[in-house]
Amino acid sequence: MNKLFIGLLIVAAGAGIFYFFNQRTCNKPPQDSISKDLLIGKWKAIAEQTAGDSAQPIYQYEFQQAGTVLLSLQDSAIADTLHYEWINPNQLVWKENIADSTGKTYSVVLLTKDSLQLQSKDSITALFIKAK
């Protein structure tokens, strides 16, 4: 009976230790500091979730340091210019004209050296990979 009781105490202590360390790792605050410099460069759209638009062309986006984005089709030399601005550490505003007071806001879900995921307020997600 004593061996059973000691065994249950050891199991309970192990479960308590596991719970304590698991809570410490799970309760870490989300990483709010996105390295904005990773955005600079050429990105290729690989997927966009839009309702029923399967014939949408795939664009290449070139983010520049000055806040401009050159938007072009992969096989075209003609580029359109958009503007972006960081409004929060993880939110971008895209504007067609730099003088516009409003634009389309995107949350930066993921930004690494080779992948980018943006999500709009209406839950449309766009995925990009770094173009070579």
N, C-alpha and C. Protein backbone atom coordinates (compact mmCIF):
# COMPACT_ATOMS: atom_id res chain seq x y z
N MET A 1 0.82 -1.19 0.00
CA MET A 1 0.00 0.00 0.00
C MET A 1 0.86 1.25 0.00
N ASN A 2 1.96 1.24 0.79
CA ASN A 2 2.85 2.41 0.82
C ASN A 2 3.54 2.61 -0.51
N LYS A 3 3.92 1.52 -1.20
CA LYS A 3 4.57 1.64 -2.49
C LYS A 3 3.61 2.24 -3.52
N LEU A 4 2.35 1.85 -3.43
CA LEU A 4 1.35 2.40 -4.35
C LEU A 4 1.15 3.89 -4.10
N PHE A 5 1.09 4.28 -2.84
CA PHE A 5 0.92 5.68 -2.48
C PHE A 5 2.12 6.51 -2.94
N ILE A 6 3.33 6.02 -2.74
CA ILE A 6 4.54 6.73 -3.16
C ILE A 6 4.58 6.83 -4.69
N GLY A 7 4.19 5.77 -5.36
CA GLY A 7 4.15 5.78 -6.82
C GLY A 7 3.18 6.82 -7.34
N LEU A 8 2.00 6.93 -6.72
CA LEU A 8 1.02 7.94 -7.12
C LEU A 8 1.52 9.35 -6.86
N LEU A 9 2.25 9.55 -5.76
CA LEU A 9 2.83 10.87 -5.47
C LEU A 9 3.88 11.25 -6.53
N ILE A 10 4.68 10.28 -6.94
CA ILE A 10 5.70 10.55 -7.96
C ILE A 10 5.03 10.90 -9.29
N VAL A 11 3.99 10.17 -9.66
CA VAL A 11 3.26 10.46 -10.89
C VAL A 11 2.62 11.84 -10.83
N ALA A 12 2.02 12.17 -9.68
CA ALA A 12 1.39 13.48 -9.52
C ALA A 12 2.43 14.60 -9.58
N ALA A 13 3.59 14.39 -8.98
CA ALA A 13 4.64 15.40 -9.04
C ALA A 13 5.14 15.57 -10.47
N GLY A 14 5.29 14.48 -11.18
CA GLY A 14 5.72 14.55 -12.58
C GLY A 14 4.70 15.28 -13.44
N ALA A 15 3.42 15.01 -13.21
CA ALA A 15 2.38 15.70 -13.96
C ALA A 15 2.37 17.19 -13.63
N GLY A 16 2.58 17.53 -12.37
CA GLY A 16 2.65 18.94 -11.97
C GLY A 16 3.82 19.66 -12.63
N ILE A 17 4.97 19.01 -12.67
CA ILE A 17 6.15 19.61 -13.30
C ILE A 17 5.91 19.78 -14.79
N PHE A 18 5.33 18.77 -15.43
CA PHE A 18 5.02 18.86 -16.86
C PHE A 18 4.06 20.02 -17.13
N TYR A 19 3.01 20.14 -16.33
CA TYR A 19 2.03 21.20 -16.50
C TYR A 19 2.68 22.57 -16.33
N PHE A 20 3.55 22.70 -15.31
CA PHE A 20 4.21 23.97 -15.04
C PHE A 20 5.08 24.40 -16.22
N PHE A 21 5.92 23.50 -16.73
CA PHE A 21 6.79 23.85 -17.84
C PHE A 21 6.02 24.04 -19.14
N ASN A 22 4.96 23.28 -19.34
CA ASN A 22 4.14 23.43 -20.53
C ASN A 22 3.44 24.79 -20.53
N GLN A 23 2.96 25.25 -19.40
CA GLN A 23 2.31 26.56 -19.31
C GLN A 23 3.31 27.68 -19.54
N ARG A 24 4.55 27.50 -19.07
CA ARG A 24 5.57 28.53 -19.29
C ARG A 24 5.88 28.70 -20.77
N THR A 25 5.94 27.60 -21.51
CA THR A 25 6.26 27.71 -22.93
C THR A 25 5.05 28.14 -23.75
N CYS A 26 3.84 27.76 -23.35
CA CYS A 26 2.64 28.12 -24.11
C CYS A 26 2.21 29.55 -23.87
N ASN A 27 2.55 30.13 -22.74
CA ASN A 27 2.10 31.48 -22.41
C ASN A 27 3.08 32.56 -22.84
N LYS A 28 4.03 32.22 -23.70
CA LYS A 28 4.92 33.25 -24.20
C LYS A 28 4.11 34.21 -25.06
N PRO A 29 4.36 35.50 -24.93
CA PRO A 29 3.61 36.46 -25.75
C PRO A 29 3.99 36.27 -27.21
N PRO A 30 3.07 36.56 -28.13
CA PRO A 30 3.39 36.42 -29.55
C PRO A 30 4.49 37.40 -29.94
N GLN A 31 5.27 37.01 -30.90
CA GLN A 31 6.39 37.84 -31.32
C GLN A 31 5.87 38.99 -32.16
N ASP A 32 5.86 40.18 -31.57
CA ASP A 32 5.33 41.36 -32.25
C ASP A 32 6.37 42.04 -33.12
N SER A 33 7.61 41.71 -32.92
CA SER A 33 8.64 42.42 -33.68
C SER A 33 8.95 41.68 -34.97
N ILE A 34 8.37 42.18 -36.05
CA ILE A 34 8.63 41.64 -37.38
C ILE A 34 9.74 42.48 -37.98
N SER A 35 10.73 41.81 -38.52
CA SER A 35 11.82 42.53 -39.17
C SER A 35 11.32 43.08 -40.51
N LYS A 36 11.09 44.37 -40.55
CA LYS A 36 10.52 45.01 -41.74
C LYS A 36 11.47 44.97 -42.93
N ASP A 37 12.76 44.84 -42.67
CA ASP A 37 13.73 44.78 -43.76
C ASP A 37 13.57 43.51 -44.60
N LEU A 38 12.99 42.47 -44.03
CA LEU A 38 12.78 41.23 -44.78
C LEU A 38 11.78 41.41 -45.91
N LEU A 39 10.94 42.43 -45.84
CA LEU A 39 9.93 42.67 -46.87
C LEU A 39 10.54 43.19 -48.17
N ILE A 40 11.67 43.87 -48.08
CA ILE A 40 12.29 44.49 -49.25
C ILE A 40 12.78 43.40 -50.20
N GLY A 41 12.41 43.54 -51.49
CA GLY A 41 12.84 42.59 -52.50
C GLY A 41 11.68 42.14 -53.35
N LYS A 42 11.94 41.14 -54.20
CA LYS A 42 10.93 40.63 -55.12
C LYS A 42 10.23 39.42 -54.51
N TRP A 43 8.90 39.45 -54.59
CA TRP A 43 8.07 38.37 -54.07
C TRP A 43 7.15 37.88 -55.17
N LYS A 44 6.92 36.59 -55.19
CA LYS A 44 6.03 35.98 -56.18
C LYS A 44 4.82 35.43 -55.45
N ALA A 45 3.64 35.85 -55.90
CA ALA A 45 2.39 35.36 -55.30
C ALA A 45 2.21 33.90 -55.69
N ILE A 46 2.04 33.02 -54.71
CA ILE A 46 1.83 31.61 -55.04
C ILE A 46 0.41 31.17 -54.81
N ALA A 47 -0.32 31.88 -53.95
CA ALA A 47 -1.71 31.51 -53.71
C ALA A 47 -2.45 32.70 -53.13
N GLU A 48 -3.66 32.85 -53.59
CA GLU A 48 -4.57 33.85 -53.02
C GLU A 48 -5.92 33.20 -52.88
N GLN A 49 -6.49 33.31 -51.71
CA GLN A 49 -7.82 32.76 -51.49
C GLN A 49 -8.84 33.83 -51.82
N THR A 50 -9.45 33.71 -52.97
CA THR A 50 -10.52 34.62 -53.34
C THR A 50 -11.72 33.79 -53.74
N ALA A 51 -12.87 34.35 -53.60
CA ALA A 51 -14.10 33.61 -53.86
C ALA A 51 -14.32 33.44 -55.35
N GLY A 52 -14.12 32.23 -55.84
CA GLY A 52 -14.49 31.87 -57.20
C GLY A 52 -13.68 32.50 -58.31
N ASP A 53 -12.48 32.97 -58.06
CA ASP A 53 -11.69 33.58 -59.11
C ASP A 53 -10.47 32.72 -59.38
N SER A 54 -10.66 31.63 -60.13
CA SER A 54 -9.56 30.70 -60.39
C SER A 54 -8.70 31.14 -61.56
N ALA A 55 -9.15 32.09 -62.37
CA ALA A 55 -8.39 32.56 -63.52
C ALA A 55 -7.56 33.80 -63.20
N GLN A 56 -7.34 34.06 -61.95
CA GLN A 56 -6.59 35.24 -61.55
C GLN A 56 -5.11 35.08 -61.93
N PRO A 57 -4.50 36.07 -62.59
CA PRO A 57 -3.10 35.95 -62.98
C PRO A 57 -2.18 36.01 -61.76
N ILE A 58 -0.99 35.46 -61.91
CA ILE A 58 -0.01 35.46 -60.83
C ILE A 58 0.92 36.65 -61.04
N TYR A 59 1.03 37.47 -60.03
CA TYR A 59 1.82 38.69 -60.11
C TYR A 59 3.13 38.53 -59.35
N GLN A 60 4.07 39.41 -59.69
CA GLN A 60 5.31 39.53 -58.94
C GLN A 60 5.32 40.92 -58.31
N TYR A 61 5.66 40.97 -57.04
CA TYR A 61 5.67 42.21 -56.28
C TYR A 61 7.10 42.53 -55.89
N GLU A 62 7.54 43.75 -56.19
CA GLU A 62 8.87 44.18 -55.76
C GLU A 62 8.71 45.31 -54.75
N PHE A 63 8.92 44.97 -53.48
CA PHE A 63 8.83 45.95 -52.40
C PHE A 63 10.15 46.72 -52.35
N GLN A 64 10.05 48.04 -52.37
CA GLN A 64 11.23 48.88 -52.33
C GLN A 64 11.28 49.64 -51.01
N GLN A 65 12.48 50.07 -50.64
CA GLN A 65 12.71 50.73 -49.37
C GLN A 65 11.88 52.01 -49.21
N ALA A 66 11.62 52.72 -50.30
CA ALA A 66 10.93 54.01 -50.24
C ALA A 66 9.43 53.89 -50.03
N GLY A 67 8.91 52.66 -49.90
CA GLY A 67 7.48 52.49 -49.69
C GLY A 67 6.70 52.26 -50.96
N THR A 68 7.36 51.92 -52.04
CA THR A 68 6.67 51.63 -53.28
C THR A 68 6.73 50.14 -53.58
N VAL A 69 5.74 49.70 -54.32
CA VAL A 69 5.66 48.31 -54.76
C VAL A 69 5.48 48.31 -56.26
N LEU A 70 6.36 47.63 -56.97
CA LEU A 70 6.21 47.46 -58.41
C LEU A 70 5.49 46.15 -58.64
N LEU A 71 4.34 46.23 -59.27
CA LEU A 71 3.47 45.08 -59.51
C LEU A 71 3.50 44.75 -60.99
N SER A 72 3.89 43.51 -61.31
CA SER A 72 3.96 43.12 -62.72
C SER A 72 3.60 41.65 -62.87
N LEU A 73 3.12 41.32 -64.06
CA LEU A 73 2.92 39.93 -64.39
C LEU A 73 4.29 39.31 -64.64
N GLN A 74 4.40 38.02 -64.42
CA GLN A 74 5.71 37.39 -64.55
C GLN A 74 6.29 37.51 -65.96
N ASP A 75 5.46 37.49 -66.97
CA ASP A 75 5.95 37.51 -68.35
C ASP A 75 5.83 38.89 -69.00
N SER A 76 5.64 39.92 -68.20
CA SER A 76 5.43 41.25 -68.74
C SER A 76 6.50 42.21 -68.24
N ALA A 77 6.88 43.14 -69.09
CA ALA A 77 7.84 44.16 -68.70
C ALA A 77 7.15 45.41 -68.16
N ILE A 78 5.84 45.48 -68.29
CA ILE A 78 5.06 46.62 -67.82
C ILE A 78 4.75 46.43 -66.34
N ALA A 79 5.04 47.46 -65.55
CA ALA A 79 4.81 47.37 -64.11
C ALA A 79 3.88 48.48 -63.65
N ASP A 80 3.07 48.16 -62.68
CA ASP A 80 2.18 49.14 -62.05
C ASP A 80 2.81 49.49 -60.71
N THR A 81 2.59 50.70 -60.24
CA THR A 81 3.18 51.14 -58.98
C THR A 81 2.10 51.31 -57.92
N LEU A 82 2.33 50.68 -56.79
CA LEU A 82 1.50 50.84 -55.61
C LEU A 82 2.38 51.38 -54.49
N HIS A 83 1.76 51.74 -53.40
CA HIS A 83 2.49 52.25 -52.26
C HIS A 83 2.07 51.48 -51.01
N TYR A 84 3.03 51.26 -50.11
CA TYR A 84 2.72 50.59 -48.85
C TYR A 84 3.29 51.40 -47.69
N GLU A 85 2.70 51.16 -46.56
CA GLU A 85 3.13 51.88 -45.35
C GLU A 85 2.86 50.98 -44.15
N TRP A 86 3.83 50.90 -43.24
CA TRP A 86 3.63 50.15 -42.00
C TRP A 86 2.83 51.03 -41.06
N ILE A 87 1.70 50.53 -40.54
CA ILE A 87 0.93 51.32 -39.58
C ILE A 87 1.08 50.77 -38.16
N ASN A 88 1.40 49.51 -38.04
CA ASN A 88 1.68 48.85 -36.77
C ASN A 88 2.85 47.91 -37.03
N PRO A 89 3.42 47.33 -35.99
CA PRO A 89 4.52 46.39 -36.25
C PRO A 89 4.14 45.21 -37.13
N ASN A 90 2.86 44.89 -37.22
CA ASN A 90 2.46 43.74 -38.05
C ASN A 90 1.30 44.07 -39.00
N GLN A 91 1.16 45.34 -39.38
CA GLN A 91 0.09 45.71 -40.32
C GLN A 91 0.63 46.65 -41.40
N LEU A 92 0.21 46.36 -42.64
CA LEU A 92 0.56 47.17 -43.80
C LEU A 92 -0.70 47.79 -44.38
N VAL A 93 -0.55 48.98 -44.93
CA VAL A 93 -1.62 49.60 -45.69
C VAL A 93 -1.12 49.76 -47.12
N TRP A 94 -1.90 49.25 -48.08
CA TRP A 94 -1.59 49.38 -49.51
C TRP A 94 -2.44 50.50 -50.07
N LYS A 95 -1.80 51.39 -50.82
CA LYS A 95 -2.50 52.51 -51.43
C LYS A 95 -2.17 52.56 -52.92
N GLU A 96 -3.14 52.93 -53.72
CA GLU A 96 -2.89 53.10 -55.14
C GLU A 96 -2.16 54.40 -55.42
N ASN A 97 -2.39 55.39 -54.59
CA ASN A 97 -1.74 56.69 -54.73
C ASN A 97 -1.18 57.06 -53.37
N ILE A 98 0.02 57.59 -53.34
CA ILE A 98 0.66 57.91 -52.07
C ILE A 98 -0.10 58.98 -51.29
N ALA A 99 -0.87 59.82 -52.00
CA ALA A 99 -1.62 60.89 -51.35
C ALA A 99 -2.94 60.39 -50.76
N ASP A 100 -3.34 59.14 -51.04
CA ASP A 100 -4.59 58.61 -50.49
C ASP A 100 -4.51 58.56 -48.97
N SER A 101 -5.61 58.92 -48.34
CA SER A 101 -5.63 58.87 -46.88
C SER A 101 -6.01 57.49 -46.37
N THR A 102 -6.67 56.70 -47.20
CA THR A 102 -7.04 55.34 -46.80
C THR A 102 -6.52 54.36 -47.85
N GLY A 103 -6.47 53.13 -47.45
CA GLY A 103 -6.04 52.07 -48.34
C GLY A 103 -6.54 50.75 -47.81
N LYS A 104 -6.04 49.67 -48.35
CA LYS A 104 -6.43 48.34 -47.91
C LYS A 104 -5.43 47.87 -46.86
N THR A 105 -5.94 47.49 -45.69
CA THR A 105 -5.09 47.09 -44.59
C THR A 105 -4.91 45.58 -44.58
N TYR A 106 -3.66 45.15 -44.43
CA TYR A 106 -3.32 43.74 -44.34
C TYR A 106 -2.55 43.48 -43.05
N SER A 107 -2.85 42.37 -42.40
CA SER A 107 -2.07 41.92 -41.27
C SER A 107 -0.97 41.00 -41.78
N VAL A 108 0.23 41.21 -41.31
CA VAL A 108 1.34 40.35 -41.68
C VAL A 108 1.33 39.17 -40.73
N VAL A 109 0.87 38.03 -41.22
CA VAL A 109 0.77 36.82 -40.42
C VAL A 109 2.14 36.19 -40.28
N LEU A 110 2.90 36.17 -41.37
CA LEU A 110 4.22 35.53 -41.39
C LEU A 110 5.13 36.32 -42.31
N LEU A 111 6.33 36.61 -41.83
CA LEU A 111 7.34 37.26 -42.66
C LEU A 111 8.69 36.68 -42.28
N THR A 112 9.24 35.87 -43.18
CA THR A 112 10.57 35.31 -43.01
C THR A 112 11.40 35.69 -44.22
N LYS A 113 12.63 35.20 -44.29
CA LYS A 113 13.48 35.58 -45.42
C LYS A 113 13.00 35.03 -46.74
N ASP A 114 12.14 34.00 -46.73
CA ASP A 114 11.69 33.41 -47.99
C ASP A 114 10.19 33.21 -48.10
N SER A 115 9.40 33.64 -47.12
CA SER A 115 7.95 33.51 -47.23
C SER A 115 7.24 34.67 -46.55
N LEU A 116 6.09 34.99 -47.10
CA LEU A 116 5.27 36.11 -46.62
C LEU A 116 3.82 35.70 -46.69
N GLN A 117 3.08 35.94 -45.62
CA GLN A 117 1.65 35.66 -45.60
C GLN A 117 0.93 36.89 -45.09
N LEU A 118 0.00 37.39 -45.90
CA LEU A 118 -0.80 38.56 -45.55
C LEU A 118 -2.25 38.15 -45.43
N GLN A 119 -2.97 38.81 -44.53
CA GLN A 119 -4.40 38.54 -44.39
C GLN A 119 -5.14 39.87 -44.28
N SER A 120 -6.18 40.00 -45.10
CA SER A 120 -6.98 41.23 -45.08
C SER A 120 -8.04 41.14 -43.99
N LYS A 121 -8.73 42.23 -43.77
CA LYS A 121 -9.77 42.25 -42.73
C LYS A 121 -10.91 41.31 -43.04
N ASP A 122 -11.17 41.06 -44.33
CA ASP A 122 -12.24 40.13 -44.70
C ASP A 122 -11.71 38.70 -44.86
N SER A 123 -10.59 38.39 -44.20
CA SER A 123 -10.00 37.05 -44.10
C SER A 123 -9.51 36.47 -45.42
N ILE A 124 -9.20 37.31 -46.38
CA ILE A 124 -8.55 36.82 -47.60
C ILE A 124 -7.06 36.72 -47.33
N THR A 125 -6.50 35.55 -47.57
CA THR A 125 -5.10 35.29 -47.29
C THR A 125 -4.31 35.24 -48.58
N ALA A 126 -3.17 35.90 -48.60
CA ALA A 126 -2.27 35.86 -49.75
C ALA A 126 -0.92 35.31 -49.29
N LEU A 127 -0.40 34.36 -50.06
CA LEU A 127 0.88 33.74 -49.75
C LEU A 127 1.90 34.12 -50.83
N PHE A 128 3.11 34.41 -50.40
CA PHE A 128 4.18 34.81 -51.32
C PHE A 128 5.45 34.06 -50.97
N ILE A 129 6.28 33.85 -51.98
CA ILE A 129 7.62 33.33 -51.77
C ILE A 129 8.60 34.32 -52.39
N LYS A 130 9.80 34.33 -51.87
CA LYS A 130 10.83 35.24 -52.37
C LYS A 130 11.21 34.81 -53.78
N ALA A 131 11.17 35.75 -54.71
CA ALA A 131 11.55 35.47 -56.10
C ALA A 131 13.06 35.46 -56.22
N LYS A 132 13.54 34.64 -57.10
CA LYS A 132 15.01 34.53 -57.26
C LYS A 132 15.46 35.23 -58.50
